Amino acid sequence: MTITIKDIANAAKVSTATVSRVLNGAGGYNEETKIKILQIAKELGYRRNEMARSLVKKSSNLIGIIMPSVSTIFYADIVNGMEKVAQAHGFSVILSHAGEKGNRLIDCLKMLEERKVDGLVIVSIPLKEEQIQAIESLSIPYVLLSTDTKNKRIPFIKVDDYEASYAATKYLIDYGHQKIGLAGVDFSDRVAGIARMEGYKRALCDHEISFSANYIKAGDYSFSAGKEALYAFHAEKTDITAVFCVSDEVALGIISAAFELGIQIPNDLSVMGYDNTRVAEMAVPPLTTIEQPFQAMGEKGCLKIIEAIQQKITVKTEMLPFAIVERASVSKRDY
């Protein structure tokens, strides 16, 4: 038998309106009444009908997440962070994949709109103008994670990829490396690819180290891109002593190819990653890398959306700090 607020009201000898106010935290009752009603609700086994409550409030308590259809490890940490915060505030999340380059984003927006989500988070998708306009036309709060737009008009949360890549390259320079490769970078990716390449090049320039186009190998941030990069460096007899990888997965590919080629890490070649995903410390040797706070990014993004929903405020952009996590894949270079 389904227990209703009328059953609780009868047992507590109060009105249904009082029970409703207590269960919804609306106020207008004393502490003794609150304790009595909550105790009776528990004893009777009352369960709130969230679907019916959502219809009354015209709210779904759903937050939509759109991300690319790729297997990059860090997405799990972002989603975990979002789910943690959402559940703590009585919300649920619904996940939608927009294709490798976000080409199905408009379809995802339509689906989530049909599901009547209360807020939207878009993760790591480079947005085109028509997609930006579609997002801006929504009547719900939204935020971007680990991406942004050219004109910065959509709020976002991310680290500064340019500064982080500069710091990673400088770290290798400080360890005595002068011939540093860059592996796995997507030249067409304005947000992460170009920013990380420019940070790398600027660090070399600021330290009066000559730049060579042969030291840069393109890719898609993947394990296979890392393997292909090192095999290309090896075939071209490139004299690099260190390589800055634009993701941890690229770094793992470099380490794997090094094992196959008989190259010792870090004695023959130092390797620097980017992301500090869970696999970084599992690598052999454990990977020195740039840490992006992905779980915190997911938590903060979700919390901003919930605050915007509940308080009717605007989501604001926020840059998060990065850090260098030192492990064993980088060694000092003596000349």
C-alpha atoms as a PDB file:
ATOM      1  CA  MET A   1       0.000   0.000   0.000  1.00  0.00           C
ATOM      2  CA  THR A   2       1.291   3.448  -0.908  1.00  0.00           C
ATOM      3  CA  ILE A   3       1.624   5.787   2.063  1.00  0.00           C
ATOM      4  CA  THR A   4       0.466   9.363   1.382  1.00  0.00           C
ATOM      5  CA  ILE A   5       0.856  12.626   3.263  1.00  0.00           C
ATOM      6  CA  LYS A   6      -2.818  12.239   4.264  1.00  0.00           C
ATOM      7  CA  ASP A   7      -1.917   9.041   6.156  1.00  0.00           C
ATOM      8  CA  ILE A   8       0.887  10.867   7.932  1.00  0.00           C
ATOM      9  CA  ALA A   9      -1.424  13.806   8.741  1.00  0.00           C
ATOM     10  CA  ASN A  10      -4.042  11.468  10.245  1.00  0.00           C
ATOM     11  CA  ALA A  11      -1.458   9.697  12.383  1.00  0.00           C
ATOM     12  CA  ALA A  12       0.109  12.960  13.550  1.00  0.00           C
ATOM     13  CA  LYS A  13      -3.272  14.693  13.993  1.00  0.00           C
ATOM     14  CA  VAL A  14      -2.178  17.676  11.902  1.00  0.00           C
ATOM     15  CA  SER A  15      -3.262  19.050   8.548  1.00  0.00           C
ATOM     16  CA  THR A  16      -1.922  17.731   5.230  1.00  0.00           C
ATOM     17  CA  ALA A  17      -0.600  21.248   4.584  1.00  0.00           C
ATOM     18  CA  THR A  18       1.584  21.025   7.698  1.00  0.00           C
ATOM     19  CA  VAL A  19       2.907  17.630   6.634  1.00  0.00           C
ATOM     20  CA  SER A  20       3.685  18.996   3.176  1.00  0.00           C
ATOM     21  CA  ARG A  21       5.553  21.980   4.630  1.00  0.00           C
ATOM     22  CA  VAL A  22       7.653  19.724   6.874  1.00  0.00           C
ATOM     23  CA  LEU A  23       8.510  17.253   4.116  1.00  0.00           C
ATOM     24  CA  ASN A  24       9.471  20.081   1.759  1.00  0.00           C
ATOM     25  CA  GLY A  25      11.324  22.148   4.368  1.00  0.00           C
ATOM     26  CA  ALA A  26       9.056  25.116   3.755  1.00  0.00           C
ATOM     27  CA  GLY A  27       8.809  26.354   7.354  1.00  0.00           C
ATOM     28  CA  GLY A  28       5.751  27.471   9.357  1.00  0.00           C
ATOM     29  CA  TYR A  29       5.896  24.834  12.135  1.00  0.00           C
ATOM     30  CA  ASN A  30       7.754  24.246  15.390  1.00  0.00           C
ATOM     31  CA  GLU A  31      10.594  21.791  15.965  1.00  0.00           C
ATOM     32  CA  GLU A  32       8.441  19.392  17.976  1.00  0.00           C
ATOM     33  CA  THR A  33       5.942  19.100  15.125  1.00  0.00           C
ATOM     34  CA  LYS A  34       8.736  18.567  12.629  1.00  0.00           C
ATOM     35  CA  ILE A  35      10.297  15.728  14.660  1.00  0.00           C
ATOM     36  CA  LYS A  36       6.891  14.100  15.195  1.00  0.00           C
ATOM     37  CA  ILE A  37       5.958  14.174  11.496  1.00  0.00           C
ATOM     38  CA  LEU A  38       9.343  12.918  10.285  1.00  0.00           C
ATOM     39  CA  GLN A  39       9.259  10.071  12.801  1.00  0.00           C
ATOM     40  CA  ILE A  40       5.756   8.998  11.733  1.00  0.00           C
ATOM     41  CA  ALA A  41       6.739   9.229   8.052  1.00  0.00           C
ATOM     42  CA  LYS A  42       9.693   6.946   8.743  1.00  0.00           C
ATOM     43  CA  GLU A  43       7.605   4.450  10.741  1.00  0.00           C
ATOM     44  CA  LEU A  44       4.920   4.283   8.041  1.00  0.00           C
ATOM     45  CA  GLY A  45       7.553   3.812   5.327  1.00  0.00           C
ATOM     46  CA  TYR A  46       6.640   6.960   3.401  1.00  0.00           C
ATOM     47  CA  ARG A  47       8.491   7.478   0.136  1.00  0.00           C
ATOM     48  CA  ARG A  48       8.379  10.763  -1.698  1.00  0.00           C
ATOM     49  CA  ASN A  49       7.070  10.556  -5.273  1.00  0.00           C
ATOM     50  CA  GLU A  50       9.811  12.563  -6.969  1.00  0.00           C
ATOM     51  CA  MET A  51       8.181  12.348 -10.395  1.00  0.00           C
ATOM     52  CA  ALA A  52       4.917  13.802  -9.155  1.00  0.00           C
ATOM     53  CA  ARG A  53       6.811  16.411  -7.132  1.00  0.00           C
ATOM     54  CA  SER A  54       8.787  17.398 -10.219  1.00  0.00           C
ATOM     55  CA  LEU A  55       5.583  17.866 -12.214  1.00  0.00           C
ATOM     56  CA  VAL A  56       4.168  20.152  -9.528  1.00  0.00           C
ATOM     57  CA  LYS A  57       7.430  22.140  -9.398  1.00  0.00           C
ATOM     58  CA  LYS A  58       7.766  22.007 -13.199  1.00  0.00           C
ATOM     59  CA  SER A  59      11.257  20.676 -12.563  1.00  0.00           C
ATOM     60  CA  SER A  60      12.865  17.364 -13.512  1.00  0.00           C
ATOM     61  CA  ASN A  61      15.789  17.483 -11.054  1.00  0.00           C
ATOM     62  CA  LEU A  62      17.892  16.296 -13.996  1.00  0.00           C
ATOM     63  CA  ILE A  63      21.204  17.751 -15.171  1.00  0.00           C
ATOM     64  CA  GLY A  64      22.262  16.878 -18.692  1.00  0.00           C
ATOM     65  CA  ILE A  65      25.888  16.090 -19.583  1.00  0.00           C
ATOM     66  CA  ILE A  66      27.119  16.127 -23.174  1.00  0.00           C
ATOM     67  CA  MET A  67      30.592  14.845 -24.007  1.00  0.00           C
ATOM     68  CA  PRO A  68      32.449  13.433 -27.024  1.00  0.00           C
ATOM     69  CA  SER A  69      32.197   9.735 -27.892  1.00  0.00           C
ATOM     70  CA  VAL A  70      35.799   8.935 -27.014  1.00  0.00           C
ATOM     71  CA  SER A  71      37.465   6.633 -24.527  1.00  0.00           C
ATOM     72  CA  THR A  72      39.716   9.223 -22.888  1.00  0.00           C
ATOM     73  CA  ILE A  73      40.119   8.251 -19.240  1.00  0.00           C
ATOM     74  CA  PHE A  74      39.619  11.629 -17.588  1.00  0.00           C
ATOM     75  CA  TYR A  75      35.923  11.835 -18.530  1.00  0.00           C
ATOM     76  CA  ALA A  76      35.107   9.249 -15.851  1.00  0.00           C
ATOM     77  CA  ASP A  77      36.517  11.517 -13.120  1.00  0.00           C
ATOM     78  CA  ILE A  78      34.485  14.499 -14.350  1.00  0.00           C
ATOM     79  CA  VAL A  79      31.260  12.460 -14.402  1.00  0.00           C
ATOM     80  CA  ASN A  80      32.008  10.965 -10.986  1.00  0.00           C
ATOM     81  CA  GLY A  81      32.457  14.461  -9.576  1.00  0.00           C
ATOM     82  CA  MET A  82      29.187  15.619 -11.083  1.00  0.00           C
ATOM     83  CA  GLU A  83      27.227  12.591  -9.854  1.00  0.00           C
ATOM     84  CA  LYS A  84      28.592  13.030  -6.333  1.00  0.00           C
ATOM     85  CA  VAL A  85      27.389  16.625  -6.072  1.00  0.00           C
ATOM     86  CA  ALA A  86      24.127  15.995  -7.934  1.00  0.00           C
ATOM     87  CA  GLN A  87      23.084  13.157  -5.616  1.00  0.00           C
ATOM     88  CA  ALA A  88      23.967  15.189  -2.534  1.00  0.00           C
ATOM     89  CA  HIS A  89      21.535  17.893  -3.707  1.00  0.00           C
ATOM     90  CA  GLY A  90      18.707  15.619  -4.828  1.00  0.00           C
ATOM     91  CA  PHE A  91      19.510  15.750  -8.548  1.00  0.00           C
ATOM     92  CA  SER A  92      20.333  13.043 -11.096  1.00  0.00           C
ATOM     93  CA  VAL A  93      22.472  13.283 -14.228  1.00  0.00           C
ATOM     94  CA  ILE A  94      21.763  12.042 -17.722  1.00  0.00           C
ATOM     95  CA  LEU A  95      24.712  11.423 -20.049  1.00  0.00           C
ATOM     96  CA  SER A  96      24.700  11.964 -23.804  1.00  0.00           C
ATOM     97  CA  HIS A  97      27.515  11.408 -26.324  1.00  0.00           C
ATOM     98  CA  ALA A  98      27.899  13.875 -29.182  1.00  0.00           C
ATOM     99  CA  GLY A  99      30.386  12.037 -31.406  1.00  0.00           C
ATOM    100  CA  GLU A 100      34.154  12.291 -31.539  1.00  0.00           C
ATOM    101  CA  LYS A 101      34.179  15.971 -32.568  1.00  0.00           C
ATOM    102  CA  GLY A 102      30.828  16.885 -31.053  1.00  0.00           C
ATOM    103  CA  ASN A 103      29.084  16.682 -34.437  1.00  0.00           C
ATOM    104  CA  ARG A 104      25.884  15.305 -32.880  1.00  0.00           C
ATOM    105  CA  LEU A 105      25.660  18.025 -30.224  1.00  0.00           C
ATOM    106  CA  ILE A 106      22.486  19.596 -31.658  1.00  0.00           C
ATOM    107  CA  ASP A 107      20.734  16.209 -31.550  1.00  0.00           C
ATOM    108  CA  CYS A 108      21.875  15.784 -27.939  1.00  0.00           C
ATOM    109  CA  LEU A 109      20.494  19.214 -27.043  1.00  0.00           C
ATOM    110  CA  LYS A 110      17.120  18.314 -28.551  1.00  0.00           C
ATOM    111  CA  MET A 111      16.999  15.025 -26.655  1.00  0.00           C
ATOM    112  CA  LEU A 112      17.897  16.648 -23.334  1.00  0.00           C
ATOM    113  CA  GLU A 113      15.373  19.424 -23.959  1.00  0.00           C
ATOM    114  CA  GLU A 114      12.704  16.759 -24.469  1.00  0.00           C
ATOM    115  CA  ARG A 115      13.741  15.211 -21.165  1.00  0.00           C
ATOM    116  CA  LYS A 116      13.255  18.653 -19.612  1.00  0.00           C
ATOM    117  CA  VAL A 117      16.641  18.805 -17.901  1.00  0.00           C
ATOM    118  CA  ASP A 118      17.036  21.698 -15.471  1.00  0.00           C
ATOM    119  CA  GLY A 119      20.666  22.419 -16.371  1.00  0.00           C
ATOM    120  CA  LEU A 120      23.351  21.473 -18.872  1.00  0.00           C
ATOM    121  CA  VAL A 121      27.083  20.712 -18.734  1.00  0.00           C
ATOM    122  CA  ILE A 122      29.105  20.295 -21.947  1.00  0.00           C
ATOM    123  CA  VAL A 123      32.506  18.625 -21.603  1.00  0.00           C
ATOM    124  CA  SER A 124      35.542  19.082 -23.843  1.00  0.00           C
ATOM    125  CA  ILE A 125      33.745  19.816 -27.125  1.00  0.00           C
ATOM    126  CA  PRO A 126      35.041  22.566 -29.449  1.00  0.00           C
ATOM    127  CA  LEU A 127      31.889  24.488 -30.349  1.00  0.00           C
ATOM    128  CA  LYS A 128      30.873  25.925 -33.715  1.00  0.00           C
ATOM    129  CA  GLU A 129      28.823  29.114 -33.993  1.00  0.00           C
ATOM    130  CA  GLU A 130      25.530  27.344 -34.730  1.00  0.00           C
ATOM    131  CA  GLN A 131      26.082  25.114 -31.690  1.00  0.00           C
ATOM    132  CA  ILE A 132      26.836  28.148 -29.517  1.00  0.00           C
ATOM    133  CA  GLN A 133      23.617  29.796 -30.677  1.00  0.00           C
ATOM    134  CA  ALA A 134      21.639  26.616 -29.946  1.00  0.00           C
ATOM    135  CA  ILE A 135      23.049  26.491 -26.410  1.00  0.00           C
ATOM    136  CA  GLU A 136      22.348  30.187 -25.826  1.00  0.00           C
ATOM    137  CA  SER A 137      18.744  29.704 -26.917  1.00  0.00           C
ATOM    138  CA  LEU A 138      18.090  27.340 -24.007  1.00  0.00           C
ATOM    139  CA  SER A 139      16.093  28.622 -21.065  1.00  0.00           C
ATOM    140  CA  ILE A 140      18.197  26.688 -18.545  1.00  0.00           C
ATOM    141  CA  PRO A 141      21.621  27.298 -16.920  1.00  0.00           C
ATOM    142  CA  TYR A 142      24.641  25.845 -18.757  1.00  0.00           C
ATOM    143  CA  VAL A 143      28.408  25.655 -18.386  1.00  0.00           C
ATOM    144  CA  LEU A 144      31.360  24.253 -20.340  1.00  0.00           C
ATOM    145  CA  LEU A 145      34.002  22.044 -18.717  1.00  0.00           C
ATOM    146  CA  SER A 146      37.549  21.681 -20.090  1.00  0.00           C
ATOM    147  CA  THR A 147      36.662  23.787 -23.131  1.00  0.00           C
ATOM    148  CA  ASP A 148      35.628  27.341 -24.001  1.00  0.00           C
ATOM    149  CA  THR A 149      34.478  29.485 -26.903  1.00  0.00           C
ATOM    150  CA  LYS A 150      36.463  32.027 -28.913  1.00  0.00           C
ATOM    151  CA  ASN A 151      34.568  35.012 -27.571  1.00  0.00           C
ATOM    152  CA  LYS A 152      34.278  33.488 -24.041  1.00  0.00           C
ATOM    153  CA  ARG A 153      30.567  34.342 -23.985  1.00  0.00           C
ATOM    154  CA  ILE A 154      29.515  30.934 -22.642  1.00  0.00           C
ATOM    155  CA  PRO A 155      30.685  30.357 -19.022  1.00  0.00           C
ATOM    156  CA  PHE A 156      33.367  27.705 -18.623  1.00  0.00           C
ATOM    157  CA  ILE A 157      35.536  25.950 -16.049  1.00  0.00           C
ATOM    158  CA  LYS A 158      39.009  24.768 -17.071  1.00  0.00           C
ATOM    159  CA  VAL A 159      42.723  25.128 -16.478  1.00  0.00           C
ATOM    160  CA  ASP A 160      44.909  27.431 -18.560  1.00  0.00           C
ATOM    161  CA  ASP A 161      46.335  24.981 -21.115  1.00  0.00           C
ATOM    162  CA  TYR A 162      48.854  27.506 -22.406  1.00  0.00           C
ATOM    163  CA  GLU A 163      50.296  28.178 -18.943  1.00  0.00           C
ATOM    164  CA  ALA A 164      50.235  24.499 -17.986  1.00  0.00           C
ATOM    165  CA  SER A 165      52.127  23.503 -21.133  1.00  0.00           C
ATOM    166  CA  TYR A 166      54.596  26.316 -20.582  1.00  0.00           C
ATOM    167  CA  ALA A 167      55.173  25.001 -17.048  1.00  0.00           C
ATOM    168  CA  ALA A 168      55.615  21.420 -18.268  1.00  0.00           C
ATOM    169  CA  THR A 169      58.169  22.435 -20.894  1.00  0.00           C
ATOM    170  CA  LYS A 170      60.013  24.675 -18.437  1.00  0.00           C
ATOM    171  CA  TYR A 171      60.144  21.767 -15.992  1.00  0.00           C
ATOM    172  CA  LEU A 172      61.986  19.680 -18.610  1.00  0.00           C
ATOM    173  CA  ILE A 173      64.292  22.621 -19.411  1.00  0.00           C
ATOM    174  CA  ASP A 174      65.074  23.045 -15.705  1.00  0.00           C
ATOM    175  CA  TYR A 175      66.095  19.385 -15.683  1.00  0.00           C
ATOM    176  CA  GLY A 176      68.718  20.167 -18.310  1.00  0.00           C
ATOM    177  CA  HIS A 177      66.858  19.177 -21.486  1.00  0.00           C
ATOM    178  CA  GLN A 178      67.434  21.333 -24.560  1.00  0.00           C
ATOM    179  CA  LYS A 179      65.987  19.068 -27.264  1.00  0.00           C
ATOM    180  CA  ILE A 180      62.390  18.489 -26.293  1.00  0.00           C
ATOM    181  CA  GLY A 181      59.737  16.865 -28.466  1.00  0.00           C
ATOM    182  CA  LEU A 182      55.978  17.465 -28.387  1.00  0.00           C
ATOM    183  CA  ALA A 183      53.756  14.456 -29.064  1.00  0.00           C
ATOM    184  CA  GLY A 184      50.095  13.766 -29.799  1.00  0.00           C
ATOM    185  CA  VAL A 185      48.892  17.325 -30.429  1.00  0.00           C
ATOM    186  CA  ASP A 186      45.808  18.015 -32.559  1.00  0.00           C
ATOM    187  CA  PHE A 187      46.611  21.061 -34.689  1.00  0.00           C
ATOM    188  CA  SER A 188      42.906  21.699 -35.361  1.00  0.00           C
ATOM    189  CA  ASP A 189      41.945  21.837 -31.679  1.00  0.00           C
ATOM    190  CA  ARG A 190      41.855  25.517 -30.729  1.00  0.00           C
ATOM    191  CA  VAL A 191      41.133  24.908 -27.044  1.00  0.00           C
ATOM    192  CA  ALA A 192      43.696  22.297 -26.031  1.00  0.00           C
ATOM    193  CA  GLY A 193      45.820  21.482 -29.070  1.00  0.00           C
ATOM    194  CA  ILE A 194      46.923  24.939 -30.191  1.00  0.00           C
ATOM    195  CA  ALA A 195      47.159  26.269 -26.616  1.00  0.00           C
ATOM    196  CA  ARG A 196      49.421  23.411 -25.509  1.00  0.00           C
ATOM    197  CA  MET A 197      51.608  23.723 -28.596  1.00  0.00           C
ATOM    198  CA  GLU A 198      51.973  27.493 -28.157  1.00  0.00           C
ATOM    199  CA  GLY A 199      52.821  27.108 -24.454  1.00  0.00           C
ATOM    200  CA  TYR A 200      55.520  24.591 -25.391  1.00  0.00           C
ATOM    201  CA  LYS A 201      56.976  26.842 -28.090  1.00  0.00           C
ATOM    202  CA  ARG A 202      56.913  29.934 -25.864  1.00  0.00           C
ATOM    203  CA  ALA A 203      58.830  28.173 -23.097  1.00  0.00           C
ATOM    204  CA  LEU A 204      61.543  27.169 -25.580  1.00  0.00           C
ATOM    205  CA  CYS A 205      61.725  30.712 -26.944  1.00  0.00           C
ATOM    206  CA  ASP A 206      61.915  32.319 -23.494  1.00  0.00           C
ATOM    207  CA  HIS A 207      64.854  30.058 -22.640  1.00  0.00           C
ATOM    208  CA  GLU A 208      66.598  30.735 -25.980  1.00  0.00           C
ATOM    209  CA  ILE A 209      66.210  27.170 -27.186  1.00  0.00           C
ATOM    210  CA  SER A 210      65.812  26.783 -30.942  1.00  0.00           C
ATOM    211  CA  PHE A 211      62.539  25.328 -32.162  1.00  0.00           C
ATOM    212  CA  SER A 212      62.327  22.575 -34.776  1.00  0.00           C
ATOM    213  CA  ALA A 213      59.127  21.548 -36.541  1.00  0.00           C
ATOM    214  CA  ASN A 214      60.528  17.999 -36.649  1.00  0.00           C
ATOM    215  CA  TYR A 215      60.211  17.876 -32.884  1.00  0.00           C
ATOM    216  CA  ILE A 216      56.386  18.102 -33.055  1.00  0.00           C
ATOM    217  CA  LYS A 217      54.272  15.053 -33.888  1.00  0.00           C
ATOM    218  CA  ALA A 218      50.545  15.431 -34.484  1.00  0.00           C
ATOM    219  CA  GLY A 219      47.929  13.121 -33.014  1.00  0.00           C
ATOM    220  CA  ASP A 220      44.594  12.805 -31.278  1.00  0.00           C
ATOM    221  CA  TYR A 221      45.692  12.614 -27.612  1.00  0.00           C
ATOM    222  CA  SER A 222      45.529   8.793 -27.761  1.00  0.00           C
ATOM    223  CA  PHE A 223      47.787   5.881 -26.787  1.00  0.00           C
ATOM    224  CA  SER A 224      48.306   4.981 -30.446  1.00  0.00           C
ATOM    225  CA  ALA A 225      49.268   8.585 -31.242  1.00  0.00           C
ATOM    226  CA  GLY A 226      52.044   8.299 -28.653  1.00  0.00           C
ATOM    227  CA  LYS A 227      53.366   5.070 -30.127  1.00  0.00           C
ATOM    228  CA  GLU A 228      53.305   6.496 -33.639  1.00  0.00           C
ATOM    229  CA  ALA A 229      55.106   9.638 -32.449  1.00  0.00           C
ATOM    230  CA  LEU A 230      58.029   7.783 -30.907  1.00  0.00           C
ATOM    231  CA  TYR A 231      58.385   5.482 -33.900  1.00  0.00           C
ATOM    232  CA  ALA A 232      58.489   8.593 -36.100  1.00  0.00           C
ATOM    233  CA  PHE A 233      61.107  10.256 -33.858  1.00  0.00           C
ATOM    234  CA  HIS A 234      63.145   7.033 -33.984  1.00  0.00           C
ATOM    235  CA  ALA A 235      62.871   6.578 -37.771  1.00  0.00           C
ATOM    236  CA  GLU A 236      63.918  10.190 -38.335  1.00  0.00           C
ATOM    237  CA  LYS A 237      66.807   9.783 -35.894  1.00  0.00           C
ATOM    238  CA  THR A 238      65.559  12.820 -33.984  1.00  0.00           C
ATOM    239  CA  ASP A 239      67.998  13.646 -31.177  1.00  0.00           C
ATOM    240  CA  ILE A 240      65.421  14.567 -28.541  1.00  0.00           C
ATOM    241  CA  THR A 241      66.234  13.774 -24.912  1.00  0.00           C
ATOM    242  CA  ALA A 242      62.736  14.473 -23.579  1.00  0.00           C
ATOM    243  CA  VAL A 243      59.192  14.533 -24.874  1.00  0.00           C
ATOM    244  CA  PHE A 244      56.242  16.520 -23.568  1.00  0.00           C
ATOM    245  CA  CYS A 245      53.031  14.578 -24.257  1.00  0.00           C
ATOM    246  CA  VAL A 246      49.714  16.417 -24.556  1.00  0.00           C
ATOM    247  CA  SER A 247      47.921  13.691 -22.569  1.00  0.00           C
ATOM    248  CA  ASP A 248      48.813  10.836 -20.241  1.00  0.00           C
ATOM    249  CA  GLU A 249      47.545   8.375 -22.841  1.00  0.00           C
ATOM    250  CA  VAL A 250      50.022   9.746 -25.375  1.00  0.00           C
ATOM    251  CA  ALA A 251      52.745   9.399 -22.730  1.00  0.00           C
ATOM    252  CA  LEU A 252      51.792   5.757 -22.156  1.00  0.00           C
ATOM    253  CA  GLY A 253      52.067   5.190 -25.901  1.00  0.00           C
ATOM    254  CA  ILE A 254      55.549   6.722 -25.863  1.00  0.00           C
ATOM    255  CA  ILE A 255      56.576   4.466 -22.958  1.00  0.00           C
ATOM    256  CA  SER A 256      55.154   1.388 -24.713  1.00  0.00           C
ATOM    257  CA  ALA A 257      56.989   2.146 -27.970  1.00  0.00           C
ATOM    258  CA  ALA A 258      60.172   2.862 -25.997  1.00  0.00           C
ATOM    259  CA  PHE A 259      59.989  -0.620 -24.488  1.00  0.00           C
ATOM    260  CA  GLU A 260      59.610  -2.142 -27.967  1.00  0.00           C
ATOM    261  CA  LEU A 261      62.532  -0.093 -29.301  1.00  0.00           C
ATOM    262  CA  GLY A 262      64.819  -0.804 -26.352  1.00  0.00           C
ATOM    263  CA  ILE A 263      64.790   2.840 -25.202  1.00  0.00           C
ATOM    264  CA  GLN A 264      65.033   3.232 -21.434  1.00  0.00           C
ATOM    265  CA  ILE A 265      62.742   5.693 -19.669  1.00  0.00           C
ATOM    266  CA  PRO A 266      63.992   8.016 -18.193  1.00  0.00           C
ATOM    267  CA  ASN A 267      67.695   7.224 -18.721  1.00  0.00           C
ATOM    268  CA  ASP A 268      67.568   7.527 -22.525  1.00  0.00           C
ATOM    269  CA  LEU A 269      64.408   9.594 -22.828  1.00  0.00           C
ATOM    270  CA  SER A 270      62.426  11.604 -20.274  1.00  0.00           C
ATOM    271  CA  VAL A 271      58.639  11.637 -20.638  1.00  0.00           C
ATOM    272  CA  MET A 272      56.227  14.282 -19.312  1.00  0.00           C
ATOM    273  CA  GLY A 273      52.470  13.698 -19.380  1.00  0.00           C
ATOM    274  CA  TYR A 274      49.391  15.908 -19.112  1.00  0.00           C
ATOM    275  CA  ASP A 275      46.192  15.283 -17.087  1.00  0.00           C
ATOM    276  CA  ASN A 276      47.306  13.088 -14.149  1.00  0.00           C
ATOM    277  CA  THR A 277      44.675  10.464 -14.876  1.00  0.00           C
ATOM    278  CA  ARG A 278      44.529   7.311 -12.752  1.00  0.00           C
ATOM    279  CA  VAL A 279      46.859   5.419 -15.091  1.00  0.00           C
ATOM    280  CA  ALA A 280      49.706   7.931 -14.648  1.00  0.00           C
ATOM    281  CA  GLU A 281      50.882   6.381 -11.386  1.00  0.00           C
ATOM    282  CA  MET A 282      50.375   2.869 -12.809  1.00  0.00           C
ATOM    283  CA  ALA A 283      52.826   3.432 -15.668  1.00  0.00           C
ATOM    284  CA  VAL A 284      56.307   1.890 -15.603  1.00  0.00           C
ATOM    285  CA  PRO A 285      58.025   4.070 -14.633  1.00  0.00           C
ATOM    286  CA  PRO A 286      55.312   6.130 -12.871  1.00  0.00           C
ATOM    287  CA  LEU A 287      54.574   9.209 -14.954  1.00  0.00           C
ATOM    288  CA  THR A 288      55.550  12.775 -14.125  1.00  0.00           C
ATOM    289  CA  THR A 289      52.665  14.849 -15.404  1.00  0.00           C
ATOM    290  CA  ILE A 290      50.557  17.996 -15.306  1.00  0.00           C
ATOM    291  CA  GLU A 291      47.554  17.506 -13.054  1.00  0.00           C
ATOM    292  CA  GLN A 292      44.142  18.771 -14.103  1.00  0.00           C
ATOM    293  CA  PRO A 293      41.641  18.547 -11.212  1.00  0.00           C
ATOM    294  CA  PHE A 294      38.999  16.643 -13.181  1.00  0.00           C
ATOM    295  CA  GLN A 295      36.874  15.431 -10.269  1.00  0.00           C
ATOM    296  CA  ALA A 296      36.913  18.907  -8.728  1.00  0.00           C
ATOM    297  CA  MET A 297      36.038  20.309 -12.156  1.00  0.00           C
ATOM    298  CA  GLY A 298      32.981  18.042 -12.331  1.00  0.00           C
ATOM    299  CA  GLU A 299      31.961  18.854  -8.759  1.00  0.00           C
ATOM    300  CA  LYS A 300      32.337  22.599  -9.251  1.00  0.00           C
ATOM    301  CA  GLY A 301      30.527  22.568 -12.587  1.00  0.00           C
ATOM    302  CA  CYS A 302      27.587  20.644 -11.155  1.00  0.00           C
ATOM    303  CA  LEU A 303      27.406  22.839  -8.061  1.00  0.00           C
ATOM    304  CA  LYS A 304      27.395  26.012 -10.166  1.00  0.00           C
ATOM    305  CA  ILE A 305      24.512  24.642 -12.237  1.00  0.00           C
ATOM    306  CA  ILE A 306      22.503  23.648  -9.140  1.00  0.00           C
ATOM    307  CA  GLU A 307      23.066  27.075  -7.565  1.00  0.00           C
ATOM    308  CA  ALA A 308      21.964  28.729 -10.811  1.00  0.00           C
ATOM    309  CA  ILE A 309      18.812  26.582 -10.886  1.00  0.00           C
ATOM    310  CA  GLN A 310      17.878  27.117  -7.267  1.00  0.00           C
ATOM    311  CA  GLN A 311      18.969  30.728  -6.786  1.00  0.00           C
ATOM    312  CA  LYS A 312      18.206  32.028 -10.293  1.00  0.00           C
ATOM    313  CA  ILE A 313      21.751  33.342 -10.693  1.00  0.00           C
ATOM    314  CA  THR A 314      24.125  33.397 -13.664  1.00  0.00           C
ATOM    315  CA  VAL A 315      26.913  30.832 -13.950  1.00  0.00           C
ATOM    316  CA  LYS A 316      30.324  32.515 -13.961  1.00  0.00           C
ATOM    317  CA  THR A 317      33.554  31.404 -15.616  1.00  0.00           C
ATOM    318  CA  GLU A 318      36.302  30.048 -13.362  1.00  0.00           C
ATOM    319  CA  MET A 319      39.883  29.003 -14.071  1.00  0.00           C
ATOM    320  CA  LEU A 320      41.159  26.119 -11.947  1.00  0.00           C
ATOM    321  CA  PRO A 321      44.785  25.626 -10.862  1.00  0.00           C
ATOM    322  CA  PHE A 322      47.032  22.968 -12.374  1.00  0.00           C
ATOM    323  CA  ALA A 323      49.995  21.302 -10.680  1.00  0.00           C
ATOM    324  CA  ILE A 324      53.091  19.338 -11.650  1.00  0.00           C
ATOM    325  CA  VAL A 325      53.045  15.856 -10.144  1.00  0.00           C
ATOM    326  CA  GLU A 326      56.595  14.508  -9.944  1.00  0.00           C
ATOM    327  CA  ARG A 327      57.168  10.778 -10.293  1.00  0.00           C
ATOM    328  CA  ALA A 328      59.925   8.820 -12.051  1.00  0.00           C
ATOM    329  CA  SER A 329      59.648   9.366 -15.821  1.00  0.00           C
ATOM    330  CA  VAL A 330      61.891  12.451 -15.958  1.00  0.00           C
ATOM    331  CA  SER A 331      65.609  12.491 -15.154  1.00  0.00           C
ATOM    332  CA  LYS A 332      68.207  15.257 -15.100  1.00  0.00           C
ATOM    333  CA  ARG A 333      70.277  15.745 -18.235  1.00  0.00           C
ATOM    334  CA  ASP A 334      73.959  16.603 -17.886  1.00  0.00           C
ATOM    335  CA  TYR A 335      75.902  18.153 -20.735  1.00  0.00           C
END
